[in-house]
Amino acid sequence: MINLRGLNEFTRFFDGLELIEPGVRSVAEWRAAAEPQPRPSVVEVSMYGGVARKP
């Protein structure tokens, strides 16, 4: 089962946690600088990811 969520809905999963860089972003933007080109765009990936820790 897949639940489509917008950025605000997804970000709520991190309530009460301390976001760590890069925080909540499109996973298309989580790329190593040396990764081969071309990279997929935000529109092509359409998925968010996040990094946080308990305060």
PDB file of N, CA and C in Angstrom:
ATOM      1  N   MET A   1       0.834  -1.170   0.000  1.00  0.00           N
ATOM      2  CA  MET A   1       0.000   0.000   0.000  1.00  0.00           C
ATOM      3  C   MET A   1       0.885   1.242   0.000  1.00  0.00           C
ATOM      4  N   ILE A   2       0.564   2.196  -0.831  1.00  0.00           N
ATOM      5  CA  ILE A   2       1.319   3.444  -0.932  1.00  0.00           C
ATOM      6  C   ILE A   2       0.421   4.591  -0.500  1.00  0.00           C
ATOM      7  N   ASN A   3       0.949   5.440   0.371  1.00  0.00           N
ATOM      8  CA  ASN A   3       0.241   6.654   0.787  1.00  0.00           C
ATOM      9  C   ASN A   3       1.004   7.849   0.259  1.00  0.00           C
ATOM     10  N   LEU A   4       0.414   8.579  -0.660  1.00  0.00           N
ATOM     11  CA  LEU A   4       1.051   9.776  -1.195  1.00  0.00           C
ATOM     12  C   LEU A   4       0.874  10.912  -0.199  1.00  0.00           C
ATOM     13  N   ARG A   5       1.969  11.619   0.100  1.00  0.00           N
ATOM     14  CA  ARG A   5       1.937  12.719   1.049  1.00  0.00           C
ATOM     15  C   ARG A   5       2.711  13.900   0.487  1.00  0.00           C
ATOM     16  N   GLY A   6       2.231  15.086   0.779  1.00  0.00           N
ATOM     17  CA  GLY A   6       2.944  16.297   0.417  1.00  0.00           C
ATOM     18  C   GLY A   6       4.064  16.555   1.421  1.00  0.00           C
ATOM     19  N   LEU A   7       4.857  17.571   1.159  1.00  0.00           N
ATOM     20  CA  LEU A   7       5.994  17.893   2.030  1.00  0.00           C
ATOM     21  C   LEU A   7       5.544  18.174   3.455  1.00  0.00           C
ATOM     22  N   ASN A   8       4.499  18.957   3.649  1.00  0.00           N
ATOM     23  CA  ASN A   8       4.043  19.277   5.006  1.00  0.00           C
ATOM     24  C   ASN A   8       3.558  18.040   5.746  1.00  0.00           C
ATOM     25  N   GLU A   9       2.849  17.163   5.062  1.00  0.00           N
ATOM     26  CA  GLU A   9       2.381  15.922   5.691  1.00  0.00           C
ATOM     27  C   GLU A   9       3.552  15.032   6.066  1.00  0.00           C
ATOM     28  N   PHE A  10       4.536  14.918   5.196  1.00  0.00           N
ATOM     29  CA  PHE A  10       5.707  14.084   5.462  1.00  0.00           C
ATOM     30  C   PHE A  10       6.527  14.652   6.613  1.00  0.00           C
ATOM     31  N   THR A  11       6.694  15.962   6.646  1.00  0.00           N
ATOM     32  CA  THR A  11       7.512  16.610   7.676  1.00  0.00           C
ATOM     33  C   THR A  11       6.935  16.387   9.071  1.00  0.00           C
ATOM     34  N   ARG A  12       5.638  16.209   9.183  1.00  0.00           N
ATOM     35  CA  ARG A  12       5.022  15.962  10.502  1.00  0.00           C
ATOM     36  C   ARG A  12       5.555  14.711  11.172  1.00  0.00           C
ATOM     37  N   PHE A  13       6.062  13.756  10.413  1.00  0.00           N
ATOM     38  CA  PHE A  13       6.639  12.547  11.008  1.00  0.00           C
ATOM     39  C   PHE A  13       7.866  12.872  11.865  1.00  0.00           C
ATOM     40  N   PHE A  14       8.416  14.053  11.698  1.00  0.00           N
ATOM     41  CA  PHE A  14       9.618  14.445  12.424  1.00  0.00           C
ATOM     42  C   PHE A  14       9.317  15.371  13.603  1.00  0.00           C
ATOM     43  N   ASP A  15       8.028  15.574  13.911  1.00  0.00           N
ATOM     44  CA  ASP A  15       7.656  16.400  15.066  1.00  0.00           C
ATOM     45  C   ASP A  15       8.299  15.835  16.329  1.00  0.00           C
ATOM     46  N   GLY A  16       8.888  16.716  17.137  1.00  0.00           N
ATOM     47  CA  GLY A  16       9.530  16.303  18.380  1.00  0.00           C
ATOM     48  C   GLY A  16      10.959  15.841  18.205  1.00  0.00           C
ATOM     49  N   LEU A  17      11.444  15.799  16.970  1.00  0.00           N
ATOM     50  CA  LEU A  17      12.819  15.389  16.696  1.00  0.00           C
ATOM     51  C   LEU A  17      13.628  16.596  16.231  1.00  0.00           C
ATOM     52  N   GLU A  18      14.923  16.506  16.364  1.00  0.00           N
ATOM     53  CA  GLU A  18      15.819  17.564  15.897  1.00  0.00           C
ATOM     54  C   GLU A  18      16.290  17.212  14.486  1.00  0.00           C
ATOM     55  N   LEU A  19      15.895  18.026  13.518  1.00  0.00           N
ATOM     56  CA  LEU A  19      16.324  17.778  12.139  1.00  0.00           C
ATOM     57  C   LEU A  19      17.822  18.027  12.006  1.00  0.00           C
ATOM     58  N   ILE A  20      18.482  17.164  11.268  1.00  0.00           N
ATOM     59  CA  ILE A  20      19.921  17.254  11.001  1.00  0.00           C
ATOM     60  C   ILE A  20      20.086  17.502   9.510  1.00  0.00           C
ATOM     61  N   GLU A  21      21.071  18.283   9.132  1.00  0.00           N
ATOM     62  CA  GLU A  21      21.312  18.570   7.710  1.00  0.00           C
ATOM     63  C   GLU A  21      21.434  17.282   6.930  1.00  0.00           C
ATOM     64  N   PRO A  22      20.794  17.151   5.827  1.00  0.00           N
ATOM     65  CA  PRO A  22      20.060  18.158   5.094  1.00  0.00           C
ATOM     66  C   PRO A  22      18.607  18.308   5.517  1.00  0.00           C
ATOM     67  N   GLY A  23      18.167  17.645   6.580  1.00  0.00           N
ATOM     68  CA  GLY A  23      16.774  17.764   7.017  1.00  0.00           C
ATOM     69  C   GLY A  23      15.856  17.017   6.082  1.00  0.00           C
ATOM     70  N   VAL A  24      14.673  17.549   5.880  1.00  0.00           N
ATOM     71  CA  VAL A  24      13.686  16.931   4.979  1.00  0.00           C
ATOM     72  C   VAL A  24      13.853  17.560   3.601  1.00  0.00           C
ATOM     73  N   ARG A  25      14.136  16.724   2.625  1.00  0.00           N
ATOM     74  CA  ARG A  25      14.370  17.191   1.258  1.00  0.00           C
ATOM     75  C   ARG A  25      13.952  16.112   0.278  1.00  0.00           C
ATOM     76  N   SER A  26      13.903  16.492  -0.971  1.00  0.00           N
ATOM     77  CA  SER A  26      13.699  15.505  -2.025  1.00  0.00           C
ATOM     78  C   SER A  26      14.927  14.592  -2.048  1.00  0.00           C
ATOM     79  N   VAL A  27      14.711  13.287  -2.165  1.00  0.00           N
ATOM     80  CA  VAL A  27      15.859  12.384  -2.210  1.00  0.00           C
ATOM     81  C   VAL A  27      16.691  12.587  -3.471  1.00  0.00           C
ATOM     82  N   ALA A  28      16.147  13.263  -4.475  1.00  0.00           N
ATOM     83  CA  ALA A  28      16.928  13.583  -5.675  1.00  0.00           C
ATOM     84  C   ALA A  28      18.055  14.549  -5.346  1.00  0.00           C
ATOM     85  N   GLU A  29      17.910  15.295  -4.263  1.00  0.00           N
ATOM     86  CA  GLU A  29      18.939  16.258  -3.857  1.00  0.00           C
ATOM     87  C   GLU A  29      19.983  15.645  -2.938  1.00  0.00           C
ATOM     88  N   TRP A  30      19.817  14.412  -2.540  1.00  0.00           N
ATOM     89  CA  TRP A  30      20.765  13.729  -1.668  1.00  0.00           C
ATOM     90  C   TRP A  30      21.749  12.960  -2.538  1.00  0.00           C
ATOM     91  N   ARG A  31      22.641  13.659  -3.128  1.00  0.00           N
ATOM     92  CA  ARG A  31      23.574  13.027  -4.053  1.00  0.00           C
ATOM     93  C   ARG A  31      25.000  13.402  -3.704  1.00  0.00           C
ATOM     94  N   ALA A  32      25.891  12.460  -3.856  1.00  0.00           N
ATOM     95  CA  ALA A  32      27.314  12.742  -3.671  1.00  0.00           C
ATOM     96  C   ALA A  32      27.796  13.646  -4.797  1.00  0.00           C
ATOM     97  N   ALA A  33      28.669  14.557  -4.470  1.00  0.00           N
ATOM     98  CA  ALA A  33      29.167  15.512  -5.456  1.00  0.00           C
ATOM     99  C   ALA A  33      29.833  14.804  -6.640  1.00  0.00           C
ATOM    100  N   ALA A  34      30.454  13.661  -6.389  1.00  0.00           N
ATOM    101  CA  ALA A  34      31.181  12.951  -7.446  1.00  0.00           C
ATOM    102  C   ALA A  34      30.307  11.953  -8.209  1.00  0.00           C
ATOM    103  N   GLU A  35      29.031  11.921  -7.933  1.00  0.00           N
ATOM    104  CA  GLU A  35      28.154  10.973  -8.618  1.00  0.00           C
ATOM    105  C   GLU A  35      28.084  11.296 -10.105  1.00  0.00           C
ATOM    106  N   PRO A  36      28.048  10.273 -10.936  1.00  0.00           N
ATOM    107  CA  PRO A  36      27.982  10.515 -12.383  1.00  0.00           C
ATOM    108  C   PRO A  36      26.753  11.325 -12.780  1.00  0.00           C
ATOM    109  N   GLN A  37      26.893  12.058 -13.846  1.00  0.00           N
ATOM    110  CA  GLN A  37      25.798  12.863 -14.404  1.00  0.00           C
ATOM    111  C   GLN A  37      25.177  12.088 -15.561  1.00  0.00           C
ATOM    112  N   PRO A  38      23.992  12.356 -15.999  1.00  0.00           N
ATOM    113  CA  PRO A  38      23.040  13.295 -15.401  1.00  0.00           C
ATOM    114  C   PRO A  38      22.351  12.664 -14.214  1.00  0.00           C
ATOM    115  N   ARG A  39      21.925  13.499 -13.292  1.00  0.00           N
ATOM    116  CA  ARG A  39      21.205  13.051 -12.103  1.00  0.00           C
ATOM    117  C   ARG A  39      19.710  13.229 -12.335  1.00  0.00           C
ATOM    118  N   PRO A  40      18.880  12.406 -11.695  1.00  0.00           N
ATOM    119  CA  PRO A  40      17.438  12.598 -11.843  1.00  0.00           C
ATOM    120  C   PRO A  40      17.000  13.892 -11.160  1.00  0.00           C
ATOM    121  N   SER A  41      15.977  14.500 -11.691  1.00  0.00           N
ATOM    122  CA  SER A  41      15.469  15.752 -11.120  1.00  0.00           C
ATOM    123  C   SER A  41      14.491  15.446  -9.991  1.00  0.00           C
ATOM    124  N   VAL A  42      14.131  16.487  -9.241  1.00  0.00           N
ATOM    125  CA  VAL A  42      13.148  16.366  -8.168  1.00  0.00           C
ATOM    126  C   VAL A  42      11.823  15.846  -8.722  1.00  0.00           C
ATOM    127  N   VAL A  43      11.423  16.315  -9.878  1.00  0.00           N
ATOM    128  CA  VAL A  43      10.166  15.882 -10.490  1.00  0.00           C
ATOM    129  C   VAL A  43      10.220  14.406 -10.868  1.00  0.00           C
ATOM    130  N   GLU A  44      11.348  13.935 -11.343  1.00  0.00           N
ATOM    131  CA  GLU A  44      11.484  12.528 -11.746  1.00  0.00           C
ATOM    132  C   GLU A  44      11.454  11.579 -10.554  1.00  0.00           C
ATOM    133  N   VAL A  45      11.955  12.021  -9.411  1.00  0.00           N
ATOM    134  CA  VAL A  45      12.032  11.148  -8.242  1.00  0.00           C
ATOM    135  C   VAL A  45      10.750  11.204  -7.418  1.00  0.00           C
ATOM    136  N   SER A  46      10.241  12.392  -7.125  1.00  0.00           N
ATOM    137  CA  SER A  46       8.977  12.567  -6.391  1.00  0.00           C
ATOM    138  C   SER A  46       8.926  11.791  -5.081  1.00  0.00           C
ATOM    139  N   MET A  47       9.973  11.920  -4.276  1.00  0.00           N
ATOM    140  CA  MET A  47      10.028  11.229  -2.992  1.00  0.00           C
ATOM    141  C   MET A  47      10.827  12.080  -2.013  1.00  0.00           C
ATOM    142  N   TYR A  48      10.369  12.122  -0.753  1.00  0.00           N
ATOM    143  CA  TYR A  48      11.076  12.867   0.284  1.00  0.00           C
ATOM    144  C   TYR A  48      11.805  11.913   1.210  1.00  0.00           C
ATOM    145  N   GLY A  49      12.849  12.410   1.825  1.00  0.00           N
ATOM    146  CA  GLY A  49      13.588  11.681   2.853  1.00  0.00           C
ATOM    147  C   GLY A  49      13.948  12.665   3.944  1.00  0.00           C
ATOM    148  N   GLY A  50      14.282  12.162   5.116  1.00  0.00           N
ATOM    149  CA  GLY A  50      14.637  13.056   6.199  1.00  0.00           C
ATOM    150  C   GLY A  50      15.637  12.418   7.144  1.00  0.00           C
ATOM    151  N   VAL A  51      16.384  13.270   7.827  1.00  0.00           N
ATOM    152  CA  VAL A  51      17.355  12.839   8.812  1.00  0.00           C
ATOM    153  C   VAL A  51      17.089  13.635  10.093  1.00  0.00           C
ATOM    154  N   ALA A  52      16.914  12.927  11.212  1.00  0.00           N
ATOM    155  CA  ALA A  52      16.653  13.596  12.482  1.00  0.00           C
ATOM    156  C   ALA A  52      17.148  12.704  13.624  1.00  0.00           C
ATOM    157  N   ARG A  53      17.202  13.309  14.803  1.00  0.00           N
ATOM    158  CA  ARG A  53      17.567  12.531  15.990  1.00  0.00           C
ATOM    159  C   ARG A  53      16.713  13.001  17.158  1.00  0.00           C
ATOM    160  N   LYS A  54      16.656  12.158  18.172  1.00  0.00           N
ATOM    161  CA  LYS A  54      15.933  12.552  19.387  1.00  0.00           C
ATOM    162  C   LYS A  54      16.746  13.625  20.086  1.00  0.00           C
ATOM    163  N   PRO A  55      16.079  14.686  20.555  1.00  0.00           N
ATOM    164  CA  PRO A  55      16.821  15.744  21.269  1.00  0.00           C
ATOM    165  C   PRO A  55      17.296  15.269  22.635  1.00  0.00           C
TER     166      PRO A  55
END
